[in-house]
PDB file of N, CA and C in Angstrom:
ATOM      1  N   MET A   1      16.495  20.553  49.396  1.00  0.00           N
ATOM      2  CA  MET A   1      17.196  18.647  49.056  1.00  0.00           C
ATOM      3  C   MET A   1      17.841  18.826  48.236  1.00  0.00           C
ATOM      4  N   LYS A   2      19.604  17.778  48.541  1.00  0.00           N
ATOM      5  CA  LYS A   2      20.204  17.664  47.474  1.00  0.00           C
ATOM      6  C   LYS A   2      19.922  16.391  46.885  1.00  0.00           C
ATOM      7  N   THR A   3      20.208  16.866  45.188  1.00  0.00           N
ATOM      8  CA  THR A   3      19.857  15.324  44.926  1.00  0.00           C
ATOM      9  C   THR A   3      21.646  14.617  44.104  1.00  0.00           C
ATOM     10  N   LYS A   4      21.567  13.760  44.137  1.00  0.00           N
ATOM     11  CA  LYS A   4      22.913  12.469  43.963  1.00  0.00           C
ATOM     12  C   LYS A   4      23.305  11.723  43.521  1.00  0.00           C
ATOM     13  N   PHE A   5      23.523  11.617  41.886  1.00  0.00           N
ATOM     14  CA  PHE A   5      23.734  10.552  40.769  1.00  0.00           C
ATOM     15  C   PHE A   5      25.098  10.005  41.609  1.00  0.00           C
ATOM     16  N   ASP A   6      24.574   8.473  41.451  1.00  0.00           N
ATOM     17  CA  ASP A   6      26.355   7.834  40.864  1.00  0.00           C
ATOM     18  C   ASP A   6      26.661   7.442  40.058  1.00  0.00           C
ATOM     19  N   ILE A   7      27.777   8.385  39.547  1.00  0.00           N
ATOM     20  CA  ILE A   7      27.831   7.362  38.005  1.00  0.00           C
ATOM     21  C   ILE A   7      28.074   6.982  37.224  1.00  0.00           C
ATOM     22  N   LYS A   8      28.567   5.382  38.621  1.00  0.00           N
ATOM     23  CA  LYS A   8      28.354   4.123  38.371  1.00  0.00           C
ATOM     24  C   LYS A   8      26.346   3.828  37.237  1.00  0.00           C
ATOM     25  N   SER A   9      25.746   4.184  37.657  1.00  0.00           N
ATOM     26  CA  SER A   9      24.154   3.713  37.433  1.00  0.00           C
ATOM     27  C   SER A   9      24.065   3.946  36.491  1.00  0.00           C
ATOM     28  N   VAL A  10      24.524   5.620  36.824  1.00  0.00           N
ATOM     29  CA  VAL A  10      24.494   7.067  35.614  1.00  0.00           C
ATOM     30  C   VAL A  10      25.212   6.501  34.397  1.00  0.00           C
ATOM     31  N   PHE A  11      25.614   5.808  34.221  1.00  0.00           N
ATOM     32  CA  PHE A  11      26.697   5.059  33.210  1.00  0.00           C
ATOM     33  C   PHE A  11      26.249   3.429  32.682  1.00  0.00           C
ATOM     34  N   SER A  12      25.706   2.675  33.379  1.00  0.00           N
ATOM     35  CA  SER A  12      24.679   1.572  33.351  1.00  0.00           C
ATOM     36  C   SER A  12      23.196   1.359  32.023  1.00  0.00           C
ATOM     37  N   GLY A  13      22.555   3.243  33.019  1.00  0.00           N
ATOM     38  CA  GLY A  13      21.368   2.691  31.941  1.00  0.00           C
ATOM     39  C   GLY A  13      21.984   3.492  31.433  1.00  0.00           C
ATOM     40  N   ALA A  14      22.774   4.219  30.560  1.00  0.00           N
ATOM     41  CA  ALA A  14      22.951   4.806  29.544  1.00  0.00           C
ATOM     42  C   ALA A  14      23.325   4.137  28.216  1.00  0.00           C
ATOM     43  N   LEU A  15      23.904   2.399  29.047  1.00  0.00           N
ATOM     44  CA  LEU A  15      24.555   2.020  28.116  1.00  0.00           C
ATOM     45  C   LEU A  15      24.347   0.668  27.815  1.00  0.00           C
ATOM     46  N   LEU A  16      22.663   0.250  28.886  1.00  0.00           N
ATOM     47  CA  LEU A  16      21.325  -0.787  28.655  1.00  0.00           C
ATOM     48  C   LEU A  16      20.709   0.144  27.366  1.00  0.00           C
ATOM     49  N   GLY A  17      20.710   1.592  27.903  1.00  0.00           N
ATOM     50  CA  GLY A  17      19.655   1.622  27.257  1.00  0.00           C
ATOM     51  C   GLY A  17      20.086   1.613  25.788  1.00  0.00           C
ATOM     52  N   ALA A  18      21.773   2.334  25.470  1.00  0.00           N
ATOM     53  CA  ALA A  18      21.795   2.270  23.724  1.00  0.00           C
ATOM     54  C   ALA A  18      21.741   1.329  23.176  1.00  0.00           C
ATOM     55  N   ALA A  19      22.160  -0.386  24.463  1.00  0.00           N
ATOM     56  CA  ALA A  19      22.034  -2.234  23.298  1.00  0.00           C
ATOM     57  C   ALA A  19      20.737  -1.892  22.957  1.00  0.00           C
ATOM     58  N   LEU A  20      19.679  -1.320  24.093  1.00  0.00           N
ATOM     59  CA  LEU A  20      18.569  -1.235  23.593  1.00  0.00           C
ATOM     60  C   LEU A  20      18.260  -0.761  21.978  1.00  0.00           C
ATOM     61  N   VAL A  21      18.154   0.521  21.903  1.00  0.00           N
ATOM     62  CA  VAL A  21      17.744   1.244  20.670  1.00  0.00           C
ATOM     63  C   VAL A  21      18.856   0.358  20.095  1.00  0.00           C
ATOM     64  N   LEU A  22      20.214  -0.321  19.716  1.00  0.00           N
ATOM     65  CA  LEU A  22      20.792  -0.843  18.583  1.00  0.00           C
ATOM     66  C   LEU A  22      19.620  -2.123  18.249  1.00  0.00           C
ATOM     67  N   ALA A  23      19.890  -3.084  19.413  1.00  0.00           N
ATOM     68  CA  ALA A  23      18.710  -4.560  19.455  1.00  0.00           C
ATOM     69  C   ALA A  23      17.799  -4.049  18.682  1.00  0.00           C
ATOM     70  N   LEU A  24      16.871  -2.585  18.952  1.00  0.00           N
ATOM     71  CA  LEU A  24      15.629  -3.212  18.758  1.00  0.00           C
ATOM     72  C   LEU A  24      15.960  -1.722  17.106  1.00  0.00           C
ATOM     73  N   GLY A  25      16.790  -1.456  16.673  1.00  0.00           N
ATOM     74  CA  GLY A  25      16.978  -1.479  15.593  1.00  0.00           C
ATOM     75  C   GLY A  25      17.875  -2.716  14.687  1.00  0.00           C
ATOM     76  N   ALA A  26      18.509  -2.820  15.119  1.00  0.00           N
ATOM     77  CA  ALA A  26      18.733  -3.503  13.803  1.00  0.00           C
ATOM     78  C   ALA A  26      17.329  -5.084  13.935  1.00  0.00           C
ATOM     79  N   ALA A  27      16.636  -5.251  14.564  1.00  0.00           N
ATOM     80  CA  ALA A  27      15.602  -5.983  13.851  1.00  0.00           C
ATOM     81  C   ALA A  27      14.065  -5.609  13.730  1.00  0.00           C
ATOM     82  N   THR A  28      13.895  -4.240  13.472  1.00  0.00           N
ATOM     83  CA  THR A  28      13.351  -3.256  11.508  1.00  0.00           C
ATOM     84  C   THR A  28      13.442  -4.107  10.751  1.00  0.00           C
ATOM     85  N   ASN A  29      12.669  -4.309   9.873  1.00  0.00           N
ATOM     86  CA  ASN A  29      12.975  -4.534   8.550  1.00  0.00           C
ATOM     87  C   ASN A  29      13.203  -3.004   7.863  1.00  0.00           C
ATOM     88  N   GLN A  30      13.975  -3.160   7.085  1.00  0.00           N
ATOM     89  CA  GLN A  30      14.707  -2.040   5.675  1.00  0.00           C
ATOM     90  C   GLN A  30      14.150  -1.788   4.812  1.00  0.00           C
ATOM     91  N   SER A  31      13.333  -3.656   4.453  1.00  0.00           N
ATOM     92  CA  SER A  31      13.415  -3.074   2.968  1.00  0.00           C
ATOM     93  C   SER A  31      11.465  -3.392   2.618  1.00  0.00           C
ATOM     94  N   ARG A  32      11.612  -2.120   1.725  1.00  0.00           N
ATOM     95  CA  ARG A  32      10.439  -1.210   1.226  1.00  0.00           C
ATOM     96  C   ARG A  32       9.318  -1.069   0.287  1.00  0.00           C
ATOM     97  N   THR A  33       7.978  -1.720   0.042  1.00  0.00           N
ATOM     98  CA  THR A  33       7.253  -2.414  -0.239  1.00  0.00           C
ATOM     99  C   THR A  33       7.431  -1.521  -2.146  1.00  0.00           C
ATOM    100  N   ALA A  34       7.656  -2.164  -2.718  1.00  0.00           N
ATOM    101  CA  ALA A  34       8.274  -1.880  -4.111  1.00  0.00           C
ATOM    102  C   ALA A  34       6.307  -2.670  -4.474  1.00  0.00           C
ATOM    103  N   TRP A  35       5.381  -1.681  -5.871  1.00  0.00           N
ATOM    104  CA  TRP A  35       4.215  -1.536  -6.248  1.00  0.00           C
ATOM    105  C   TRP A  35       3.683  -1.718  -7.136  1.00  0.00           C
ATOM    106  N   GLU A  36       2.956  -1.729  -8.197  1.00  0.00           N
ATOM    107  CA  GLU A  36       3.240  -1.650 -10.096  1.00  0.00           C
ATOM    108  C   GLU A  36       2.382  -0.829  -9.857  1.00  0.00           C
ATOM    109  N   TYR A  37       1.540  -0.472 -10.162  1.00  0.00           N
ATOM    110  CA  TYR A  37      -0.057   0.597 -11.068  1.00  0.00           C
ATOM    111  C   TYR A  37      -0.258  -0.157 -12.194  1.00  0.00           C
ATOM    112  N   SER A  38      -1.850   0.395 -11.843  1.00  0.00           N
ATOM    113  CA  SER A  38      -2.404   0.248 -13.776  1.00  0.00           C
ATOM    114  C   SER A  38      -2.970   0.975 -13.646  1.00  0.00           C
ATOM    115  N   VAL A  39      -3.946   1.241 -14.451  1.00  0.00           N
ATOM    116  CA  VAL A  39      -5.350   2.074 -14.621  1.00  0.00           C
ATOM    117  C   VAL A  39      -6.060   1.962 -16.281  1.00  0.00           C
ATOM    118  N   GLU A  40      -7.246   1.493 -15.646  1.00  0.00           N
ATOM    119  CA  GLU A  40      -8.123   0.508 -15.599  1.00  0.00           C
ATOM    120  C   GLU A  40      -9.928   1.363 -15.712  1.00  0.00           C
ATOM    121  N   TRP A  41     -11.099   0.959 -16.987  1.00  0.00           N
ATOM    122  CA  TRP A  41     -11.514   1.386 -16.378  1.00  0.00           C
ATOM    123  C   TRP A  41     -12.687   0.439 -16.956  1.00  0.00           C
ATOM    124  N   ILE A  42     -14.186   0.500 -16.801  1.00  0.00           N
ATOM    125  CA  ILE A  42     -14.879  -0.902 -16.477  1.00  0.00           C
ATOM    126  C   ILE A  42     -15.985   0.210 -17.496  1.00  0.00           C
ATOM    127  N   THR A  43     -16.271  -0.627 -17.910  1.00  0.00           N
ATOM    128  CA  THR A  43     -17.672  -0.404 -19.646  1.00  0.00           C
ATOM    129  C   THR A  43     -18.833  -0.817 -18.681  1.00  0.00           C
ATOM    130  N   LEU A  44     -19.264   0.279 -18.752  1.00  0.00           N
ATOM    131  CA  LEU A  44     -20.399   0.031 -19.581  1.00  0.00           C
ATOM    132  C   LEU A  44     -21.332  -0.156 -20.554  1.00  0.00           C
ATOM    133  N   ASN A  45     -22.377  -1.417 -20.595  1.00  0.00           N
ATOM    134  CA  ASN A  45     -22.945  -0.889 -21.469  1.00  0.00           C
ATOM    135  C   ASN A  45     -24.736  -0.813 -21.384  1.00  0.00           C
ATOM    136  N   GLN A  46     -24.939  -0.280 -21.364  1.00  0.00           N
ATOM    137  CA  GLN A  46     -26.678  -0.038 -21.274  1.00  0.00           C
ATOM    138  C   GLN A  46     -26.667  -0.233 -20.285  1.00  0.00           C
ATOM    139  N   GLY A  47     -25.428  -0.129 -18.843  1.00  0.00           N
ATOM    140  CA  GLY A  47     -26.861  -0.911 -17.857  1.00  0.00           C
ATOM    141  C   GLY A  47     -26.171  -1.519 -17.201  1.00  0.00           C
ATOM    142  N   ASN A  48     -25.208  -2.980 -18.212  1.00  0.00           N
ATOM    143  CA  ASN A  48     -25.310  -4.096 -18.315  1.00  0.00           C
ATOM    144  C   ASN A  48     -24.767  -4.843 -17.024  1.00  0.00           C
ATOM    145  N   THR A  49     -25.056  -4.633 -15.982  1.00  0.00           N
ATOM    146  CA  THR A  49     -24.379  -5.232 -14.631  1.00  0.00           C
ATOM    147  C   THR A  49     -22.885  -6.234 -14.227  1.00  0.00           C
ATOM    148  N   SER A  50     -23.458  -7.014 -15.236  1.00  0.00           N
ATOM    149  CA  SER A  50     -22.895  -8.388 -14.448  1.00  0.00           C
ATOM    150  C   SER A  50     -21.844  -8.534 -15.664  1.00  0.00           C
ATOM    151  N   ALA A  51     -20.815  -7.948 -16.736  1.00  0.00           N
ATOM    152  CA  ALA A  51     -19.929  -8.131 -17.219  1.00  0.00           C
ATOM    153  C   ALA A  51     -19.348  -7.163 -15.870  1.00  0.00           C
ATOM    154  N   SER A  52     -19.521  -5.610 -15.728  1.00  0.00           N
ATOM    155  CA  SER A  52     -19.480  -4.615 -15.055  1.00  0.00           C
ATOM    156  C   SER A  52     -18.468  -5.657 -13.934  1.00  0.00           C
ATOM    157  N   ALA A  53     -18.888  -6.583 -13.185  1.00  0.00           N
ATOM    158  CA  ALA A  53     -19.630  -7.686 -12.050  1.00  0.00           C
ATOM    159  C   ALA A  53     -17.930  -8.529 -11.763  1.00  0.00           C
ATOM    160  N   ILE A  54     -18.509  -9.200 -13.173  1.00  0.00           N
ATOM    161  CA  ILE A  54     -17.023 -10.255 -14.021  1.00  0.00           C
ATOM    162  C   ILE A  54     -15.801  -9.267 -14.409  1.00  0.00           C
ATOM    163  N   GLN A  55     -15.438  -8.256 -15.084  1.00  0.00           N
ATOM    164  CA  GLN A  55     -14.659  -7.069 -14.627  1.00  0.00           C
ATOM    165  C   GLN A  55     -13.984  -6.882 -13.020  1.00  0.00           C
ATOM    166  N   LEU A  56     -14.364  -7.183 -12.377  1.00  0.00           N
ATOM    167  CA  LEU A  56     -14.120  -6.328 -11.527  1.00  0.00           C
ATOM    168  C   LEU A  56     -13.495  -7.516 -10.810  1.00  0.00           C
ATOM    169  N   GLU A  57     -14.390  -8.455 -10.963  1.00  0.00           N
ATOM    170  CA  GLU A  57     -14.160  -9.761 -10.207  1.00  0.00           C
ATOM    171  C   GLU A  57     -12.228 -10.164 -10.332  1.00  0.00           C
ATOM    172  N   SER A  58     -12.409 -10.318 -11.954  1.00  0.00           N
ATOM    173  CA  SER A  58     -11.116 -10.900 -12.558  1.00  0.00           C
ATOM    174  C   SER A  58      -9.872  -9.759 -12.534  1.00  0.00           C
ATOM    175  N   ILE A  59     -10.332  -8.706 -12.096  1.00  0.00           N
ATOM    176  CA  ILE A  59      -9.108  -7.749 -11.881  1.00  0.00           C
ATOM    177  C   ILE A  59      -8.502  -7.871 -10.024  1.00  0.00           C
ATOM    178  N   ASN A  60      -9.666  -7.932  -9.762  1.00  0.00           N
ATOM    179  CA  ASN A  60      -9.959  -9.350  -8.235  1.00  0.00           C
ATOM    180  C   ASN A  60      -8.498 -10.119  -8.044  1.00  0.00           C
ATOM    181  N   LYS A  61      -8.944 -10.473  -9.401  1.00  0.00           N
ATOM    182  CA  LYS A  61      -7.920 -12.207  -9.359  1.00  0.00           C
ATOM    183  C   LYS A  61      -6.582 -12.291  -8.611  1.00  0.00           C
ATOM    184  N   GLN A  62      -6.719 -11.067 -10.045  1.00  0.00           N
ATOM    185  CA  GLN A  62      -5.135 -10.822 -10.422  1.00  0.00           C
ATOM    186  C   GLN A  62      -3.802 -10.388  -9.495  1.00  0.00           C
ATOM    187  N   GLY A  63      -4.465 -10.557  -8.391  1.00  0.00           N
ATOM    188  CA  GLY A  63      -4.097  -9.547  -7.132  1.00  0.00           C
ATOM    189  C   GLY A  63      -4.186  -7.473  -6.549  1.00  0.00           C
ATOM    190  N   TRP A  64      -4.830  -6.986  -8.472  1.00  0.00           N
ATOM    191  CA  TRP A  64      -4.818  -5.897  -7.746  1.00  0.00           C
ATOM    192  C   TRP A  64      -5.815  -4.742  -6.794  1.00  0.00           C
ATOM    193  N   GLU A  65      -5.755  -4.176  -6.187  1.00  0.00           N
ATOM    194  CA  GLU A  65      -6.498  -3.074  -5.211  1.00  0.00           C
ATOM    195  C   GLU A  65      -6.994  -2.253  -5.682  1.00  0.00           C
ATOM    196  N   LEU A  66      -7.996  -1.385  -5.527  1.00  0.00           N
ATOM    197  CA  LEU A  66      -7.973   0.554  -6.439  1.00  0.00           C
ATOM    198  C   LEU A  66      -7.569   1.266  -4.362  1.00  0.00           C
ATOM    199  N   VAL A  67      -6.806   2.391  -4.996  1.00  0.00           N
ATOM    200  CA  VAL A  67      -6.271   2.995  -5.483  1.00  0.00           C
ATOM    201  C   VAL A  67      -7.925   4.544  -5.011  1.00  0.00           C
ATOM    202  N   SER A  68      -7.579   4.540  -6.381  1.00  0.00           N
ATOM    203  CA  SER A  68      -8.790   5.254  -6.520  1.00  0.00           C
ATOM    204  C   SER A  68      -9.858   5.531  -7.909  1.00  0.00           C
ATOM    205  N   ALA A  69     -10.374   6.287  -7.027  1.00  0.00           N
ATOM    206  CA  ALA A  69     -12.135   6.339  -9.213  1.00  0.00           C
ATOM    207  C   ALA A  69     -12.334   7.920  -8.524  1.00  0.00           C
ATOM    208  N   GLN A  70     -12.305   7.256 -10.436  1.00  0.00           N
ATOM    209  CA  GLN A  70     -13.233   8.690 -11.003  1.00  0.00           C
ATOM    210  C   GLN A  70     -14.021   8.578 -12.908  1.00  0.00           C
ATOM    211  N   MET A  71     -14.896   9.387 -12.415  1.00  0.00           N
ATOM    212  CA  MET A  71     -15.781   9.003 -13.305  1.00  0.00           C
ATOM    213  C   MET A  71     -15.670  10.647 -14.584  1.00  0.00           C
ATOM    214  N   PHE A  72     -15.506   9.950 -15.218  1.00  0.00           N
ATOM    215  CA  PHE A  72     -15.653  10.598 -16.689  1.00  0.00           C
ATOM    216  C   PHE A  72     -16.619  10.368 -17.853  1.00  0.00           C
ATOM    217  N   PRO A  73     -17.898  10.861 -17.804  1.00  0.00           N
ATOM    218  CA  PRO A  73     -19.038  10.876 -18.432  1.00  0.00           C
ATOM    219  C   PRO A  73     -18.713  10.880 -19.197  1.00  0.00           C
ATOM    220  N   VAL A  74     -19.049   9.908 -20.442  1.00  0.00           N
ATOM    221  CA  VAL A  74     -19.016  10.091 -22.152  1.00  0.00           C
ATOM    222  C   VAL A  74     -20.589  10.264 -22.481  1.00  0.00           C
ATOM    223  N   ALA A  75     -21.626  11.315 -23.270  1.00  0.00           N
ATOM    224  CA  ALA A  75     -22.438  11.611 -23.160  1.00  0.00           C
ATOM    225  C   ALA A  75     -21.968  11.258 -25.538  1.00  0.00           C
ATOM    226  N   GLY A  76     -23.607  10.566 -25.446  1.00  0.00           N
ATOM    227  CA  GLY A  76     -23.526  10.601 -27.169  1.00  0.00           C
ATOM    228  C   GLY A  76     -23.588   9.368 -27.994  1.00  0.00           C
ATOM    229  N   GLN A  77     -22.842   8.540 -26.684  1.00  0.00           N
ATOM    230  CA  GLN A  77     -22.530   7.525 -27.251  1.00  0.00           C
ATOM    231  C   GLN A  77     -22.728   5.847 -26.885  1.00  0.00           C
ATOM    232  N   GLU A  78     -23.261   4.195 -27.825  1.00  0.00           N
ATOM    233  CA  GLU A  78     -23.731   3.731 -27.292  1.00  0.00           C
ATOM    234  C   GLU A  78     -23.664   2.835 -26.158  1.00  0.00           C
ATOM    235  N   TYR A  79     -21.915   3.298 -25.754  1.00  0.00           N
ATOM    236  CA  TYR A  79     -21.909   2.811 -24.497  1.00  0.00           C
ATOM    237  C   TYR A  79     -20.898   3.716 -23.245  1.00  0.00           C
ATOM    238  N   GLN A  80     -21.063   4.373 -22.359  1.00  0.00           N
ATOM    239  CA  GLN A  80     -20.257   4.742 -21.854  1.00  0.00           C
ATOM    240  C   GLN A  80     -18.756   3.691 -20.608  1.00  0.00           C
ATOM    241  N   HIS A  81     -18.536   4.673 -20.928  1.00  0.00           N
ATOM    242  CA  HIS A  81     -16.984   4.398 -19.706  1.00  0.00           C
ATOM    243  C   HIS A  81     -17.201   4.252 -18.699  1.00  0.00           C
ATOM    244  N   GLY A  82     -17.057   4.163 -17.365  1.00  0.00           N
ATOM    245  CA  GLY A  82     -18.093   3.762 -16.049  1.00  0.00           C
ATOM    246  C   GLY A  82     -16.232   4.636 -15.416  1.00  0.00           C
ATOM    247  N   PRO A  83     -16.263   4.120 -14.260  1.00  0.00           N
ATOM    248  CA  PRO A  83     -14.986   4.790 -13.553  1.00  0.00           C
ATOM    249  C   PRO A  83     -13.543   4.856 -13.989  1.00  0.00           C
ATOM    250  N   THR A  84     -12.778   5.452 -14.063  1.00  0.00           N
ATOM    251  CA  THR A  84     -11.816   5.140 -14.810  1.00  0.00           C
ATOM    252  C   THR A  84     -10.999   4.499 -13.120  1.00  0.00           C
ATOM    253  N   MET A  85     -10.455   3.514 -12.911  1.00  0.00           N
ATOM    254  CA  MET A  85      -8.972   3.855 -11.790  1.00  0.00           C
ATOM    255  C   MET A  85      -7.701   2.761 -11.717  1.00  0.00           C
ATOM    256  N   VAL A  86      -7.516   4.039 -10.466  1.00  0.00           N
ATOM    257  CA  VAL A  86      -5.358   3.626 -10.453  1.00  0.00           C
ATOM    258  C   VAL A  86      -6.013   2.132  -9.874  1.00  0.00           C
ATOM    259  N   LEU A  87      -5.308   1.577 -10.141  1.00  0.00           N
ATOM    260  CA  LEU A  87      -4.495   0.093  -8.565  1.00  0.00           C
ATOM    261  C   LEU A  87      -3.530   0.156  -9.185  1.00  0.00           C
ATOM    262  N   ARG A  88      -3.273  -0.868  -7.911  1.00  0.00           N
ATOM    263  CA  ARG A  88      -1.490  -1.364  -7.528  1.00  0.00           C
ATOM    264  C   ARG A  88      -1.349  -2.601  -7.262  1.00  0.00           C
ATOM    265  N   ARG A  89      -0.934  -3.278  -7.171  1.00  0.00           N
ATOM    266  CA  ARG A  89      -0.219  -4.376  -5.803  1.00  0.00           C
ATOM    267  C   ARG A  89       0.478  -4.799  -6.146  1.00  0.00           C
ATOM    268  N   ARG A  90       1.302  -5.424  -5.103  1.00  0.00           N
ATOM    269  CA  ARG A  90       2.721  -5.568  -4.966  1.00  0.00           C
ATOM    270  C   ARG A  90       3.817  -6.062  -5.963  1.00  0.00           C
ATOM    271  N   ALA A  91       4.692  -5.244  -6.446  1.00  0.00           N
ATOM    272  CA  ALA A  91       5.982  -6.060  -7.313  1.00  0.00           C
ATOM    273  C   ALA A  91       6.785  -7.461  -7.284  1.00  0.00           C
ATOM    274  N   LYS A  92       6.490  -7.613  -8.079  1.00  0.00           N
ATOM    275  CA  LYS A  92       7.104  -9.400  -7.816  1.00  0.00           C
ATOM    276  C   LYS A  92       8.503  -8.973  -8.428  1.00  0.00           C
ATOM    277  N   PRO A  93       9.416  -9.627  -7.235  1.00  0.00           N
ATOM    278  CA  PRO A  93      10.395  -9.240  -6.770  1.00  0.00           C
ATOM    279  C   PRO A  93      11.528  -9.774  -8.097  1.00  0.00           C
ATOM    280  N   PRO A  94      12.246  -9.329  -8.976  1.00  0.00           N
ATOM    281  CA  PRO A  94      12.992  -9.508 -10.016  1.00  0.00           C
ATOM    282  C   PRO A  94      13.722 -10.819  -9.821  1.00  0.00           C
ATOM    283  N   LYS A  95      13.952 -11.728 -10.837  1.00  0.00           N
ATOM    284  CA  LYS A  95      13.540 -13.166 -11.164  1.00  0.00           C
ATOM    285  C   LYS A  95      15.690 -12.935 -11.673  1.00  0.00           C
ATOM    286  N   GLU A  96      16.550 -14.364 -10.138  1.00  0.00           N
ATOM    287  CA  GLU A  96      18.303 -13.615  -9.958  1.00  0.00           C
ATOM    288  C   GLU A  96      18.483 -14.552 -10.587  1.00  0.00           C
TER     289      GLU A  96
END
């Protein structure tokens, strides 16, 4: 069985496909999200969790979100630092 292609159909299909790819490419958002980062730690005062909760709520209200957390115990002191946290939030656009 021989397969025949109509050159006009192939050409119009390729042209339609290229137009579709260009239209979708132009419609996508090319901007990148800029982030600002902060490193914070939670202070633990002999198991006082209410102070830690207030500190976390304050960080959250400022728009920060958690990226990672790591514990670094400090022995032999009256207080210990809780987890060290890396936070991020969307950077504000520069003022013009």
